[in-house]
């Protein structure tokens, strides 16, 4: 679970997903991306 306040270092964006490392991809809609 990610509440959006944690400063993840995004490794990439692909097809609406954000790469946050360790081969983990989360849907972009769960974040307030700036």
C-alpha atoms as a PDB file:
ATOM      1  CA  UNK A   1       0.000   0.000   0.000  1.00  0.00           C
ATOM      2  CA  UNK A   2       1.293   3.409  -0.958  1.00  0.00           C
ATOM      3  CA  UNK A   3      -0.279   6.582   0.361  1.00  0.00           C
ATOM      4  CA  UNK A   4       1.422   8.915  -2.077  1.00  0.00           C
ATOM      5  CA  UNK A   5       3.435  10.733   0.577  1.00  0.00           C
ATOM      6  CA  UNK A   6       6.407   8.424   0.270  1.00  0.00           C
ATOM      7  CA  UNK A   7       8.942   9.881  -2.176  1.00  0.00           C
ATOM      8  CA  UNK A   8       9.485   6.921  -4.431  1.00  0.00           C
ATOM      9  CA  UNK A   9      12.206   7.198  -7.011  1.00  0.00           C
ATOM     10  CA  UNK A  10      10.303   6.366 -10.150  1.00  0.00           C
ATOM     11  CA  UNK A  11      12.363   4.303 -12.542  1.00  0.00           C
ATOM     12  CA  UNK A  12      10.056   4.661 -15.485  1.00  0.00           C
ATOM     13  CA  UNK A  13       6.533   5.025 -16.769  1.00  0.00           C
ATOM     14  CA  UNK A  14       4.944   2.491 -19.057  1.00  0.00           C
ATOM     15  CA  UNK A  15       1.352   2.031 -20.177  1.00  0.00           C
ATOM     16  CA  UNK A  16      -0.056   3.813 -17.144  1.00  0.00           C
ATOM     17  CA  UNK A  17       2.257   2.056 -14.714  1.00  0.00           C
ATOM     18  CA  UNK A  18       5.114   3.488 -12.688  1.00  0.00           C
ATOM     19  CA  UNK A  19       8.300   1.543 -12.018  1.00  0.00           C
ATOM     20  CA  UNK A  20       9.401   1.941  -8.416  1.00  0.00           C
ATOM     21  CA  UNK A  21      12.307  -0.472  -8.379  1.00  0.00           C
ATOM     22  CA  UNK A  22      12.802  -4.144  -7.542  1.00  0.00           C
ATOM     23  CA  UNK A  23      10.786  -4.931 -10.670  1.00  0.00           C
ATOM     24  CA  UNK A  24       7.734  -3.462  -8.951  1.00  0.00           C
ATOM     25  CA  UNK A  25       5.154  -1.678 -11.068  1.00  0.00           C
ATOM     26  CA  UNK A  26       2.162   0.172  -9.699  1.00  0.00           C
ATOM     27  CA  UNK A  27      -0.753   1.707 -11.517  1.00  0.00           C
ATOM     28  CA  UNK A  28      -0.265   5.397 -12.057  1.00  0.00           C
ATOM     29  CA  UNK A  29      -3.842   6.160 -10.976  1.00  0.00           C
ATOM     30  CA  UNK A  30      -2.888   5.349  -7.371  1.00  0.00           C
ATOM     31  CA  UNK A  31      -0.495   8.283  -7.285  1.00  0.00           C
ATOM     32  CA  UNK A  32      -0.755  12.022  -7.452  1.00  0.00           C
ATOM     33  CA  UNK A  33       2.017  12.312 -10.000  1.00  0.00           C
ATOM     34  CA  UNK A  34       3.617  15.727 -10.322  1.00  0.00           C
END
